[in-house]
Protein backbone atom coordinates (compact mmCIF):
# COMPACT_ATOMS: atom_id res chain seq x y z
CA MET A 1 -25.01 -5.05 -14.40
CA THR A 2 -23.98 -5.81 -17.97
CA LYS A 3 -26.89 -6.90 -20.14
CA GLY A 4 -26.18 -10.25 -21.75
CA ARG A 5 -22.42 -9.60 -22.03
CA ASN A 6 -19.58 -11.16 -20.09
CA SER A 7 -16.49 -9.78 -18.35
CA PRO A 8 -16.78 -6.01 -18.03
CA GLU A 9 -13.36 -4.50 -18.76
CA GLY A 10 -13.62 -0.74 -18.22
CA VAL A 11 -16.06 1.82 -16.86
CA ALA A 12 -16.54 5.58 -17.16
CA VAL A 13 -19.28 7.96 -15.99
CA ASP A 14 -20.44 11.16 -17.68
CA ALA A 15 -21.65 14.41 -16.10
CA LEU A 16 -25.26 13.19 -16.18
CA GLY A 17 -24.45 10.01 -14.29
CA HIS A 18 -24.66 7.70 -17.31
CA VAL A 19 -22.39 4.69 -16.90
CA PHE A 20 -20.43 3.45 -19.94
CA VAL A 21 -19.03 -0.08 -19.71
CA THR A 22 -16.73 -1.96 -22.10
CA CYS A 23 -17.29 -5.73 -22.15
CA LEU A 24 -15.09 -8.55 -23.35
CA GLY A 25 -17.72 -9.47 -25.96
CA ASP A 26 -16.61 -6.31 -27.81
CA TRP A 27 -19.45 -4.03 -26.85
CA VAL A 28 -19.92 -0.69 -25.14
CA GLN A 29 -23.03 -0.64 -22.98
CA VAL A 30 -24.70 2.37 -21.37
CA PHE A 31 -26.74 2.44 -18.16
CA ASP A 32 -28.35 5.13 -16.05
CA SER A 33 -27.10 5.78 -12.53
CA TYR A 34 -29.53 3.17 -11.16
CA GLY A 35 -28.20 0.43 -13.42
CA LYS A 36 -31.04 0.53 -15.96
CA TYR A 37 -29.86 -0.55 -19.41
CA LEU A 38 -30.10 2.25 -21.99
CA SER A 39 -28.16 1.29 -25.12
CA SER A 40 -25.11 -0.42 -26.60
CA TRP A 41 -22.91 -0.42 -29.68
CA GLY A 42 -20.00 -2.34 -31.12
CA GLY A 43 -19.57 -6.00 -32.06
CA THR A 44 -16.50 -7.98 -33.08
CA GLY A 45 -14.58 -6.82 -36.13
CA SER A 46 -12.08 -4.32 -37.45
CA GLY A 47 -14.43 -1.84 -39.09
CA ASN A 48 -15.38 1.60 -37.81
CA GLY A 49 -17.33 1.16 -34.59
CA GLN A 50 -16.35 -2.49 -34.18
CA PHE A 51 -13.93 -3.88 -31.62
CA SER A 52 -11.54 -6.75 -31.11
CA PHE A 53 -10.57 -7.38 -27.50
CA VAL A 54 -11.92 -4.13 -26.16
CA ASN A 55 -10.18 -2.69 -23.07
CA GLY A 56 -10.33 0.78 -21.57
CA ILE A 57 -12.86 3.58 -21.84
CA ALA A 58 -12.74 7.29 -21.00
CA LEU A 59 -14.92 10.38 -21.54
CA ASP A 60 -13.94 13.96 -22.29
CA GLN A 61 -15.71 17.08 -21.02
CA GLN A 62 -17.90 17.19 -24.14
CA GLY A 63 -19.12 13.66 -23.46
CA ASN A 64 -17.18 12.04 -26.29
CA VAL A 65 -16.25 8.41 -25.66
CA TYR A 66 -12.74 6.99 -26.22
CA VAL A 67 -12.34 3.19 -26.38
CA THR A 68 -9.15 1.13 -26.65
CA GLU A 69 -8.84 -2.34 -28.18
CA THR A 70 -5.72 -4.45 -28.34
CA ALA A 71 -6.18 -6.81 -31.30
CA ASN A 72 -6.86 -3.82 -33.58
CA ASN A 73 -4.14 -1.72 -31.89
CA ARG A 74 -6.19 1.44 -31.81
CA VAL A 75 -8.25 4.07 -30.02
CA GLN A 76 -11.72 4.82 -31.37
CA LYS A 77 -13.62 8.01 -30.60
CA PHE A 78 -17.45 8.23 -30.49
CA ASN A 79 -20.01 10.78 -29.43
CA ASN A 80 -22.12 9.96 -26.39
CA LYS A 81 -24.75 8.26 -28.59
CA GLY A 82 -22.20 5.81 -29.95
CA GLN A 83 -21.76 7.48 -33.34
CA TYR A 84 -18.29 6.81 -34.73
CA LEU A 85 -16.12 9.94 -35.05
CA SER A 86 -12.48 8.93 -35.61
CA GLN A 87 -9.70 6.50 -34.74
CA TRP A 88 -5.92 6.23 -34.52
CA GLN A 89 -3.37 3.47 -34.17
CA VAL A 90 -1.47 2.91 -30.92
CA ASN A 91 1.05 0.57 -32.56
CA THR A 92 1.58 -2.07 -29.90
CA SER A 93 4.18 -4.54 -31.10
CA GLU A 94 1.94 -7.60 -31.13
CA GLY A 95 -1.65 -6.64 -30.48
CA ASN A 96 -3.24 -9.74 -28.98
CA GLU A 97 -5.84 -10.51 -26.34
CA TRP A 98 -3.24 -10.68 -23.60
CA ASP A 99 -2.18 -7.06 -24.02
CA TYR A 100 -3.98 -4.23 -22.27
CA LEU A 101 -4.45 -0.61 -23.30
CA ALA A 102 -5.65 1.54 -20.39
CA ILE A 103 -6.85 5.07 -21.22
CA ALA A 104 -7.45 8.32 -19.35
CA LEU A 105 -8.07 11.94 -20.31
CA GLY A 106 -6.40 15.02 -18.91
CA PRO A 107 -8.15 18.23 -17.80
CA VAL A 108 -7.56 20.01 -21.14
CA GLY A 109 -8.22 17.12 -23.49
CA GLN A 110 -4.93 15.23 -23.46
CA VAL A 111 -5.31 11.49 -24.09
CA TYR A 112 -3.06 9.12 -22.13
CA VAL A 113 -2.78 5.45 -23.14
CA ALA A 114 -0.86 2.98 -20.96
CA ASP A 115 0.48 0.25 -23.26
CA ASP A 116 1.38 -2.80 -21.15
CA ASP A 117 3.05 -4.56 -24.08
CA GLN A 118 5.60 -1.82 -24.75
CA ASN A 119 5.62 -0.61 -21.11
CA LEU A 120 4.96 2.97 -22.17
CA VAL A 121 2.51 5.76 -21.50
CA LYS A 122 1.69 7.35 -24.86
CA THR A 123 0.14 10.80 -25.13
CA TYR A 124 -2.10 12.27 -27.84
CA ASP A 125 -4.23 15.32 -28.44
CA SER A 126 -8.01 14.91 -28.81
CA GLN A 127 -7.60 14.34 -32.57
CA GLY A 128 -5.21 11.44 -32.08
CA ARG A 129 -1.98 13.24 -32.94
CA SER A 130 0.97 11.85 -30.96
CA THR A 131 2.45 14.29 -28.44
CA GLY A 132 4.99 12.03 -26.73
CA GLN A 133 5.62 8.97 -24.60
CA TRP A 134 7.52 7.90 -21.49
CA GLY A 135 8.19 4.98 -19.17
CA LYS A 136 10.54 2.67 -21.05
CA SER A 137 13.43 2.98 -18.64
CA GLY A 138 14.75 4.94 -15.69
CA PRO A 139 12.69 6.58 -12.93
CA GLY A 140 9.00 6.15 -13.66
CA SER A 141 9.52 3.04 -15.80
CA PHE A 142 6.81 0.40 -16.07
CA GLU A 143 6.39 -3.33 -16.37
CA ASP A 144 2.86 -4.54 -17.20
CA SER A 145 0.87 -1.33 -16.61
CA GLU A 146 -2.87 -2.00 -16.51
CA GLY A 147 -4.45 1.18 -15.16
CA ILE A 148 -4.07 4.93 -15.60
CA GLY A 149 -5.76 8.01 -14.17
CA VAL A 150 -5.32 11.78 -14.28
CA ASP A 151 -6.35 14.22 -11.54
CA ALA A 152 -7.68 17.75 -11.94
CA GLN A 153 -4.17 19.21 -11.76
CA GLY A 154 -2.97 16.98 -14.60
CA LYS A 155 -0.93 14.55 -12.47
CA VAL A 156 -0.84 11.10 -14.05
CA TYR A 157 -1.15 7.91 -11.97
CA VAL A 158 -0.17 4.54 -13.44
CA ALA A 159 -0.94 1.12 -11.91
CA ASP A 160 1.81 -1.36 -12.68
CA ASN A 161 1.34 -5.08 -12.05
CA HIS A 162 4.92 -6.33 -11.80
CA ASN A 163 6.89 -3.22 -10.93
CA PRO A 164 5.08 -1.47 -8.08
CA ILE A 165 5.74 2.25 -8.32
CA TYR A 166 4.46 4.99 -6.03
CA LEU A 167 5.28 8.09 -8.01
CA GLU A 168 4.60 10.44 -5.08
CA LEU A 169 7.38 8.96 -2.94
CA PRO A 170 10.74 10.78 -2.96
CA LYS A 171 13.48 9.60 -5.28
CA THR A 172 15.53 8.60 -2.23
CA ALA A 173 12.86 6.07 -1.17
CA THR A 174 13.75 2.39 -0.91
CA ILE A 175 10.66 0.19 -0.73
CA VAL A 176 11.29 -2.61 1.76
CA GLU A 177 7.95 -4.44 1.77
CA GLU A 178 4.37 -4.10 0.52
CA GLU A 179 1.22 -5.81 1.77
CA ASN A 180 -2.15 -5.61 0.05
CA LEU A 181 -5.21 -5.70 2.35
CA LYS A 182 -7.40 -7.77 0.01
CA THR A 183 -7.68 -10.73 2.38
CA GLN A 184 -9.08 -8.41 5.06
CA GLY A 185 -11.73 -6.93 2.77
CA TYR A 186 -9.87 -3.89 1.39
CA PRO A 187 -8.51 -4.91 -2.05
CA ASN A 188 -7.78 -1.33 -3.11
CA ARG A 189 -5.55 -0.58 -0.14
CA THR A 190 -1.86 -1.46 0.17
CA LEU A 191 0.57 -0.78 3.00
CA VAL A 192 4.07 0.16 1.85
CA LEU A 193 7.05 0.03 4.20
CA TRP A 194 9.86 2.23 2.88
CA MET A 195 12.94 4.09 4.04
CA GLU A 196 14.65 7.30 3.02
CA ASN A 197 18.14 6.65 1.69
CA PRO A 198 18.85 3.82 4.15
CA LYS A 199 22.27 2.42 4.97
CA MET A 200 22.59 -1.35 4.50
CA THR A 201 24.69 -3.37 6.92
CA VAL A 202 25.66 -7.02 6.46
CA ASN A 203 27.52 -8.58 9.37
CA GLU A 204 29.41 -11.71 8.37
CA MET A 205 29.07 -13.94 11.41
CA ASP A 206 29.28 -17.69 11.87
CA ALA A 207 25.87 -19.33 12.03
CA ASP A 208 26.78 -20.80 15.42
CA ALA A 209 27.69 -17.41 16.89
CA PRO A 210 25.08 -16.46 19.52
CA TYR A 211 22.86 -13.46 18.90
CA THR A 212 23.47 -10.31 20.88
CA CYS A 213 20.34 -8.75 22.39
CA PRO A 214 20.14 -5.96 19.75
CA GLU A 215 20.46 -8.58 16.99
CA GLN A 216 17.23 -10.16 18.23
CA THR A 217 15.37 -7.22 16.63
CA MET A 218 17.72 -6.20 13.82
CA GLY A 219 19.29 -9.44 12.64
CA ARG A 220 22.69 -9.42 10.98
CA SER A 221 21.58 -7.91 7.67
CA TYR A 222 19.55 -4.75 8.03
CA TYR A 223 18.68 -1.24 6.86
CA THR A 224 19.14 1.81 9.09
CA GLY A 225 17.54 5.19 8.46
CA PRO A 226 14.23 7.08 8.51
CA VAL A 227 11.31 4.62 8.29
CA ARG A 228 7.98 5.47 6.70
CA VAL A 229 4.74 3.56 6.18
CA THR A 230 2.45 4.65 3.36
CA LEU A 231 -1.13 3.73 2.59
CA ALA A 232 -1.72 3.66 -1.17
CA GLU A 233 -4.51 2.82 -3.57
CA ALA A 234 -3.70 -0.59 -5.02
CA ARG A 235 -5.15 0.14 -8.48
CA THR A 236 -3.60 3.55 -9.13
CA HIS A 237 -0.73 3.56 -6.58
CA ARG A 238 -1.93 6.98 -5.41
CA VAL A 239 -0.51 7.79 -1.99
CA ILE A 240 -3.26 8.34 0.59
CA ASN A 241 -1.10 9.18 3.61
CA THR A 242 2.23 8.39 5.25
CA VAL A 243 3.37 8.06 8.88
CA LYS A 244 6.85 8.08 10.42
CA ALA A 245 8.09 5.23 12.60
CA ASP A 246 10.20 7.51 14.78
CA GLY A 247 10.71 8.39 18.43
CA VAL A 248 12.26 5.25 19.86
CA GLU A 249 15.43 7.24 20.69
CA LYS A 250 13.75 10.63 21.07
CA ASP A 251 16.36 11.87 23.55
CA ILE A 252 19.19 11.47 21.03
CA PRO A 253 18.72 14.11 18.28
CA GLU A 254 20.65 12.24 15.58
CA MET A 255 18.66 9.04 16.32
CA LYS A 256 15.20 10.57 16.71
CA ASP A 257 14.15 9.79 13.13
CA SER A 258 16.20 6.63 12.62
CA PHE A 259 15.28 2.99 13.03
CA THR A 260 16.64 -0.40 12.03
CA ILE A 261 14.62 -2.73 9.81
CA PRO A 262 15.88 -6.33 9.57
CA LEU A 263 16.38 -7.88 6.15
CA THR A 264 17.32 -11.32 7.48
CA ILE A 265 16.85 -12.46 11.05
CA SER A 266 16.55 -15.54 13.21
CA PRO A 267 12.97 -16.88 13.40
CA GLU A 268 13.42 -17.57 17.12
CA TYR A 269 12.68 -14.03 18.28
CA TYR A 270 10.19 -11.26 17.52
CA TYR A 271 9.86 -10.76 13.78
CA HIS A 272 8.08 -13.18 11.49
CA THR A 273 10.24 -14.83 8.82
CA VAL A 274 9.48 -16.48 5.49
CA GLY A 275 11.26 -19.10 3.41
CA ASP A 276 14.17 -21.35 4.18
CA HIS A 277 17.27 -20.41 6.12
CA LEU A 278 19.46 -18.22 3.94
CA SER A 279 22.70 -17.95 5.91
CA LYS A 280 23.95 -17.44 9.45
CA GLY A 281 20.88 -19.34 10.70
CA GLU A 282 18.65 -16.51 9.46
CA SER A 283 15.63 -16.27 7.14
CA LYS A 284 14.08 -13.38 5.25
CA ALA A 285 12.32 -11.03 7.66
CA GLN A 286 8.66 -10.19 7.06
CA VAL A 287 8.15 -6.95 8.93
CA LEU A 288 4.72 -6.26 7.41
CA TYR A 289 3.28 -9.35 9.08
CA LEU A 290 -0.27 -8.24 9.74
CA LYS A 291 -2.14 -9.42 12.83
CA ASP A 292 -5.26 -8.45 14.75
CA TYR A 293 -3.71 -6.60 17.66
CA THR A 294 -6.79 -4.49 18.35
CA GLY A 295 -9.20 -7.40 18.80
CA GLN A 296 -11.60 -6.14 16.14
CA GLY A 297 -11.44 -9.25 14.01
CA LYS A 298 -9.24 -8.05 11.15
CA ALA A 299 -5.49 -8.48 10.72
CA LEU A 300 -4.59 -4.87 9.85
CA GLN A 301 -1.66 -4.00 12.12
CA PHE A 302 2.03 -4.83 12.44
CA ALA A 303 4.52 -4.23 15.23
CA LEU A 304 8.07 -2.91 15.26
CA PHE A 305 10.55 -4.05 17.91
CA TYR A 306 13.69 -2.43 19.29
CA ALA A 307 16.06 -4.03 21.80
CA GLU A 308 18.79 -1.54 22.57
CA ALA A 309 20.21 -3.83 25.23
CA CYS A 310 19.24 -7.00 27.11
CA MET A 311 16.91 -5.20 29.49
CA GLY A 312 13.88 -3.75 27.81
CA LEU A 313 12.11 -4.23 24.46
CA GLU A 314 10.45 -1.19 22.93
CA THR A 315 7.42 -1.98 20.76
CA THR A 316 5.13 0.17 18.62
CA LEU A 317 2.09 -0.56 16.45
CA ILE A 318 1.19 0.72 12.98
CA GLY A 319 -1.81 -0.26 10.88
CA TYR A 320 -4.74 0.55 8.66
CA SER A 321 -7.71 2.35 10.18
CA PRO A 322 -10.88 1.64 8.15
CA ILE A 323 -12.63 4.41 10.11
CA GLN A 324 -10.16 7.06 8.94
CA ASP A 325 -9.11 5.27 5.73
CA LYS A 326 -5.53 6.04 6.71
CA VAL A 327 -2.45 4.29 8.00
CA ILE A 328 -2.00 5.33 11.63
CA ARG A 329 0.27 4.88 14.58
CA TYR A 330 -1.54 3.76 17.70
CA PRO A 331 -0.98 5.92 20.80
CA ILE A 332 -0.45 4.15 24.13
CA VAL A 333 -1.78 6.10 27.13
CA LEU A 334 -0.95 4.68 30.57
CA THR A 335 -1.59 5.81 34.12
CA VAL A 336 1.71 5.14 35.90
CA SER A 337 1.69 4.56 39.64
CA GLU A 338 3.66 2.97 42.48
CA ALA A 339 1.95 0.01 44.17
CA SER A 340 2.28 1.43 47.70
CA GLY A 341 0.66 4.69 46.65
CA LYS A 342 3.57 6.76 47.93
CA ALA A 343 4.59 8.13 44.56
CA LYS A 344 2.35 10.51 42.67
CA LYS A 345 0.50 9.08 39.67
CA PHE A 346 1.16 10.50 36.24
CA ILE A 347 -0.01 9.94 32.66
CA SER A 348 2.39 8.54 30.08
CA ALA A 349 1.41 9.07 26.43
CA ASP A 350 3.71 7.62 23.79
CA TYR A 351 3.81 5.45 20.68
CA TRP A 352 6.28 3.03 22.27
CA CYS A 353 5.70 0.62 25.16
CA ASP A 354 7.99 -1.95 26.75
CA TYR A 355 7.24 -5.50 25.54
CA LEU A 356 3.52 -4.79 24.88
CA PHE A 357 3.13 -6.11 21.33
CA SER A 358 5.54 -8.99 21.90
CA LYS A 359 3.22 -10.48 24.54
CA GLU A 360 0.21 -12.71 23.98
CA PRO A 361 -3.04 -10.94 24.93
CA ILE A 362 -5.21 -12.44 27.65
CA GLN A 363 -8.13 -11.81 25.29
CA PRO A 364 -8.37 -10.02 21.93
CA GLY A 365 -7.10 -6.46 22.38
CA SER A 366 -6.24 -6.83 26.11
CA TRP A 367 -2.95 -7.53 27.91
CA ASN A 368 -1.93 -8.22 31.50
CA TYR A 369 1.78 -8.95 31.97
CA GLU A 370 4.73 -8.29 34.26
CA ILE A 371 8.32 -7.31 33.53
CA ASP A 372 10.87 -7.89 36.26
CA TYR A 373 13.71 -5.36 36.15
CA ARG A 374 14.82 -5.99 39.75
CA GLY A 375 17.83 -8.05 38.71
CA ARG A 376 19.40 -4.84 37.42
CA GLY A 377 18.33 -2.52 40.17
CA GLY A 378 14.94 -1.73 38.68
CA ASP A 379 11.36 -2.51 39.63
CA LEU A 380 8.76 -5.18 39.06
CA VAL A 381 6.30 -3.59 36.67
CA ASN A 382 2.77 -4.77 35.90
CA TYR A 383 1.02 -3.66 32.71
CA LYS A 384 -2.73 -3.82 32.14
CA VAL A 385 -3.59 -2.51 28.69
CA HIS A 386 -6.64 -2.65 26.40
CA PHE A 387 -7.62 -1.18 23.06
CA ASN A 388 -10.13 1.69 23.03
CA SER A 389 -11.84 1.31 19.64
CA THR A 390 -13.61 4.68 19.89
CA ARG A 391 -10.37 6.62 20.33
CA GLU A 392 -8.27 4.15 18.34
CA ARG A 393 -5.62 3.99 21.01
CA PHE A 394 -4.36 1.66 23.72
CA GLU A 395 -5.12 2.60 27.32
CA GLY A 396 -4.40 1.15 30.73
CA LYS A 397 -2.09 1.37 33.68
CA SER A 398 1.46 0.57 34.61
CA THR A 399 2.11 -0.23 38.28
CA PHE A 400 5.63 -0.66 39.67
CA VAL A 401 6.86 -2.26 42.87
CA HIS A 402 10.23 -1.23 44.34
């Protein structure tokens, strides 16, 4: 859309729908809401109204335009016609083209500048007078912040390249893994696997010691505690929604909201692993290993596995729903019956299903498999399950033979 300029850097829109764009050629360009070019101002230099490595842009409620530039270490303020009004220094320590100064305005005129060189958010009034700063160290610290936004209630959101922070998560949160959905066509969506105040366990075992059945899903180094999965905006780190990965031990009150997430695990079993063997024959677990479980052509879901003992493997599925623009848990609704027809049928609705997501589908989104529990006094059970894309759930039947 930019007219004869390269590399748009920032964009802002006024109340009339006019689009203001900063471009790397040190210009501000203005377009109407249909993309028709209207005007521009700027040019390279250090004088009033000139720029050197222009970055962010923001508008206040009066339509005034605020522009940041790194080589000149300053914010310049213009009216909506591009007439120069004022400026002030931001005082980055170096001020070169590799720095970035993101800018946003609060609901009552506060100016917020995210300085990625000093790893600070600096605050000013509308006249450029400093009112404070934060972010150098401690909770809410930054490393290479390149985006900032403010909502109507005055909450500030900072996008941080090398130190991912989700400011709406509780202070007790431990982020285990993150996975951006860019490769699946959703670059501004990230899944975050985190736990509330988890307990870490490291079992020192010989690498030749055989795995127990529970270790097949937890490994020998793991976290235990409440598990959460959050969907967040990748650019601002704003939390969109969060789901619990609970219910695997729903009959035990103290275990209802607790789960074990492996940190290292053998690659021979259910979880995907990355990298070389670390110790004890294990590698780093990748729990957020996204696959296309639903058969819709996009790898947007991941499974959790739980082997309490050597008979049975509980599985559940969590993933991104483009329809809802949320992270969701996928219900599994089965009609349960006895093959002879003697027992009465009933409906089972749960988020967990034995072995389901550990099995290869017979076709995308469909499974047909048997589990033989007869060796331990159980039944032979056949599962036929498919994904219902309209209801975003798995449906089918479970038939057992005594």
